[in-house]
Amino acid sequence: MKPVSKPSVLVNLVQALCAIVLGNVAYFFLASAFPLPAHRPFQLDWGLVVDFWFCAVAYGLIRIARKWK
């Protein structure tokens, strides 16, 4: 198994953090367009699933953009 360098771990951490922030910002601005029921704390609902999807898409776009360099 190949050892992982600390800079690559830091880059992955920053990418994940940016994806979470960008995904949540996009969800915040677009949530009113989705007819989702009200969120109940500590329960999985469609709002959380949609928010996770936004974050996953943001992460994928960041990874694609980094590969184009």
N, C-alpha and C. Protein backbone atom coordinates (compact mmCIF):
# COMPACT_ATOMS: atom_id res chain seq x y z
N MET A 1 0.84 -1.17 0.00
CA MET A 1 0.00 0.00 0.00
C MET A 1 0.89 1.24 0.00
N LYS A 2 0.59 2.17 -0.88
CA LYS A 2 1.38 3.38 -1.03
C LYS A 2 1.03 4.39 0.06
N PRO A 3 2.03 4.97 0.75
CA PRO A 3 1.72 5.96 1.79
C PRO A 3 1.15 7.24 1.18
N VAL A 4 0.29 7.87 1.93
CA VAL A 4 -0.37 9.10 1.49
C VAL A 4 0.39 10.29 2.07
N SER A 5 0.69 11.25 1.21
CA SER A 5 1.41 12.44 1.69
C SER A 5 0.45 13.39 2.40
N LYS A 6 0.97 14.15 3.33
CA LYS A 6 0.13 15.09 4.08
C LYS A 6 -0.45 16.19 3.20
N PRO A 7 0.28 16.72 2.21
CA PRO A 7 -0.35 17.75 1.35
C PRO A 7 -1.57 17.23 0.61
N SER A 8 -1.55 15.97 0.14
CA SER A 8 -2.71 15.46 -0.58
C SER A 8 -3.90 15.27 0.35
N VAL A 9 -3.66 14.91 1.60
CA VAL A 9 -4.74 14.80 2.57
C VAL A 9 -5.35 16.18 2.83
N LEU A 10 -4.51 17.18 2.96
CA LEU A 10 -4.99 18.54 3.19
C LEU A 10 -5.80 19.04 1.99
N VAL A 11 -5.34 18.74 0.79
CA VAL A 11 -6.08 19.14 -0.42
C VAL A 11 -7.45 18.48 -0.44
N ASN A 12 -7.51 17.19 -0.12
CA ASN A 12 -8.80 16.49 -0.10
C ASN A 12 -9.73 17.08 0.97
N LEU A 13 -9.16 17.43 2.11
CA LEU A 13 -9.96 18.03 3.17
C LEU A 13 -10.53 19.38 2.74
N VAL A 14 -9.72 20.20 2.10
CA VAL A 14 -10.19 21.51 1.63
C VAL A 14 -11.24 21.33 0.53
N GLN A 15 -11.05 20.37 -0.36
CA GLN A 15 -12.03 20.12 -1.41
C GLN A 15 -13.37 19.69 -0.80
N ALA A 16 -13.32 18.80 0.18
CA ALA A 16 -14.55 18.34 0.82
C ALA A 16 -15.24 19.48 1.55
N LEU A 17 -14.48 20.30 2.25
CA LEU A 17 -15.06 21.43 2.96
C LEU A 17 -15.71 22.42 1.99
N CYS A 18 -15.04 22.71 0.90
CA CYS A 18 -15.62 23.62 -0.11
C CYS A 18 -16.88 23.02 -0.71
N ALA A 19 -16.89 21.71 -0.95
CA ALA A 19 -18.07 21.06 -1.51
C ALA A 19 -19.25 21.15 -0.54
N ILE A 20 -18.99 20.97 0.75
CA ILE A 20 -20.06 21.05 1.73
C ILE A 20 -20.62 22.47 1.80
N VAL A 21 -19.73 23.45 1.82
CA VAL A 21 -20.19 24.85 1.88
C VAL A 21 -20.95 25.23 0.61
N LEU A 22 -20.40 24.92 -0.55
CA LEU A 22 -21.06 25.26 -1.81
C LEU A 22 -22.39 24.52 -1.97
N GLY A 23 -22.41 23.25 -1.60
CA GLY A 23 -23.64 22.47 -1.69
C GLY A 23 -24.73 23.01 -0.79
N ASN A 24 -24.36 23.38 0.43
CA ASN A 24 -25.35 23.93 1.36
C ASN A 24 -25.83 25.31 0.93
N VAL A 25 -24.94 26.13 0.37
CA VAL A 25 -25.36 27.44 -0.13
C VAL A 25 -26.35 27.27 -1.29
N ALA A 26 -26.03 26.35 -2.21
CA ALA A 26 -26.94 26.10 -3.33
C ALA A 26 -28.28 25.59 -2.83
N TYR A 27 -28.25 24.68 -1.87
CA TYR A 27 -29.49 24.15 -1.31
C TYR A 27 -30.30 25.25 -0.62
N PHE A 28 -29.61 26.11 0.12
CA PHE A 28 -30.29 27.20 0.82
C PHE A 28 -31.04 28.10 -0.15
N PHE A 29 -30.40 28.43 -1.28
CA PHE A 29 -31.04 29.33 -2.24
C PHE A 29 -32.10 28.64 -3.08
N LEU A 30 -31.97 27.33 -3.29
CA LEU A 30 -32.92 26.63 -4.16
C LEU A 30 -33.96 25.83 -3.40
N ALA A 31 -33.89 25.76 -2.08
CA ALA A 31 -34.80 24.92 -1.30
C ALA A 31 -36.25 25.36 -1.44
N SER A 32 -36.48 26.64 -1.62
CA SER A 32 -37.86 27.10 -1.74
C SER A 32 -38.52 26.61 -3.04
N ALA A 33 -37.72 26.20 -4.00
CA ALA A 33 -38.27 25.70 -5.27
C ALA A 33 -38.72 24.24 -5.16
N PHE A 34 -38.29 23.54 -4.10
CA PHE A 34 -38.65 22.13 -3.93
C PHE A 34 -39.81 22.01 -2.95
N PRO A 35 -40.82 21.23 -3.32
CA PRO A 35 -41.95 21.04 -2.40
C PRO A 35 -41.63 19.96 -1.35
N LEU A 36 -40.71 20.25 -0.45
CA LEU A 36 -40.30 19.28 0.55
C LEU A 36 -41.04 19.53 1.86
N PRO A 37 -41.36 18.46 2.58
CA PRO A 37 -42.01 18.65 3.89
C PRO A 37 -41.03 19.26 4.89
N ALA A 38 -41.56 19.76 5.98
CA ALA A 38 -40.73 20.40 7.01
C ALA A 38 -39.76 19.38 7.62
N HIS A 39 -38.57 19.84 7.94
CA HIS A 39 -37.55 18.97 8.52
C HIS A 39 -37.84 18.73 10.00
N ARG A 40 -37.67 17.47 10.40
CA ARG A 40 -37.78 17.11 11.81
C ARG A 40 -36.39 16.75 12.30
N PRO A 41 -35.92 17.36 13.39
CA PRO A 41 -34.56 17.09 13.88
C PRO A 41 -34.31 15.60 14.15
N PHE A 42 -33.11 15.17 13.85
CA PHE A 42 -32.63 13.81 14.11
C PHE A 42 -33.39 12.74 13.34
N GLN A 43 -33.97 13.10 12.21
CA GLN A 43 -34.64 12.13 11.36
C GLN A 43 -34.24 12.36 9.91
N LEU A 44 -34.04 11.28 9.19
CA LEU A 44 -33.70 11.36 7.78
C LEU A 44 -34.95 11.72 6.99
N ASP A 45 -34.83 12.74 6.14
CA ASP A 45 -35.95 13.14 5.31
C ASP A 45 -35.43 13.54 3.93
N TRP A 46 -36.35 13.90 3.04
CA TRP A 46 -35.96 14.22 1.66
C TRP A 46 -35.10 15.48 1.58
N GLY A 47 -35.29 16.41 2.49
CA GLY A 47 -34.47 17.62 2.50
C GLY A 47 -33.00 17.29 2.71
N LEU A 48 -32.72 16.37 3.63
CA LEU A 48 -31.33 15.96 3.87
C LEU A 48 -30.76 15.22 2.67
N VAL A 49 -31.59 14.41 2.03
CA VAL A 49 -31.13 13.67 0.85
C VAL A 49 -30.79 14.65 -0.28
N VAL A 50 -31.65 15.63 -0.50
CA VAL A 50 -31.41 16.62 -1.56
C VAL A 50 -30.17 17.45 -1.22
N ASP A 51 -30.02 17.84 0.05
CA ASP A 51 -28.84 18.60 0.48
C ASP A 51 -27.56 17.78 0.25
N PHE A 52 -27.59 16.50 0.60
CA PHE A 52 -26.44 15.63 0.37
C PHE A 52 -26.13 15.55 -1.12
N TRP A 53 -27.15 15.48 -1.96
CA TRP A 53 -26.95 15.41 -3.40
C TRP A 53 -26.27 16.66 -3.92
N PHE A 54 -26.69 17.83 -3.44
CA PHE A 54 -26.04 19.08 -3.83
C PHE A 54 -24.56 19.07 -3.45
N CYS A 55 -24.27 18.60 -2.25
CA CYS A 55 -22.87 18.55 -1.80
C CYS A 55 -22.07 17.55 -2.63
N ALA A 56 -22.65 16.41 -2.96
CA ALA A 56 -21.96 15.41 -3.77
C ALA A 56 -21.69 15.94 -5.18
N VAL A 57 -22.64 16.65 -5.75
CA VAL A 57 -22.45 17.24 -7.08
C VAL A 57 -21.36 18.31 -7.03
N ALA A 58 -21.37 19.14 -5.99
CA ALA A 58 -20.33 20.17 -5.84
C ALA A 58 -18.95 19.51 -5.73
N TYR A 59 -18.86 18.42 -4.97
CA TYR A 59 -17.59 17.71 -4.82
C TYR A 59 -17.12 17.15 -6.17
N GLY A 60 -18.05 16.57 -6.91
CA GLY A 60 -17.70 16.04 -8.22
C GLY A 60 -17.23 17.12 -9.17
N LEU A 61 -17.89 18.28 -9.15
CA LEU A 61 -17.47 19.39 -10.01
C LEU A 61 -16.10 19.93 -9.62
N ILE A 62 -15.82 19.98 -8.32
CA ILE A 62 -14.50 20.42 -7.86
C ILE A 62 -13.44 19.45 -8.32
N ARG A 63 -13.70 18.15 -8.20
CA ARG A 63 -12.71 17.14 -8.63
C ARG A 63 -12.46 17.22 -10.15
N ILE A 64 -13.52 17.41 -10.91
CA ILE A 64 -13.37 17.52 -12.37
C ILE A 64 -12.57 18.76 -12.71
N ALA A 65 -12.87 19.88 -12.05
CA ALA A 65 -12.15 21.13 -12.33
C ALA A 65 -10.66 20.99 -11.98
N ARG A 66 -10.33 20.27 -10.92
CA ARG A 66 -8.92 20.08 -10.55
C ARG A 66 -8.18 19.19 -11.54
N LYS A 67 -8.88 18.26 -12.16
CA LYS A 67 -8.23 17.38 -13.14
C LYS A 67 -7.96 18.10 -14.46
N TRP A 68 -8.72 19.16 -14.76
CA TRP A 68 -8.52 19.92 -16.01
C TRP A 68 -7.28 20.78 -15.97
N LYS A 69 -6.72 21.00 -14.80
CA LYS A 69 -5.53 21.85 -14.69
C LYS A 69 -4.37 21.27 -15.43
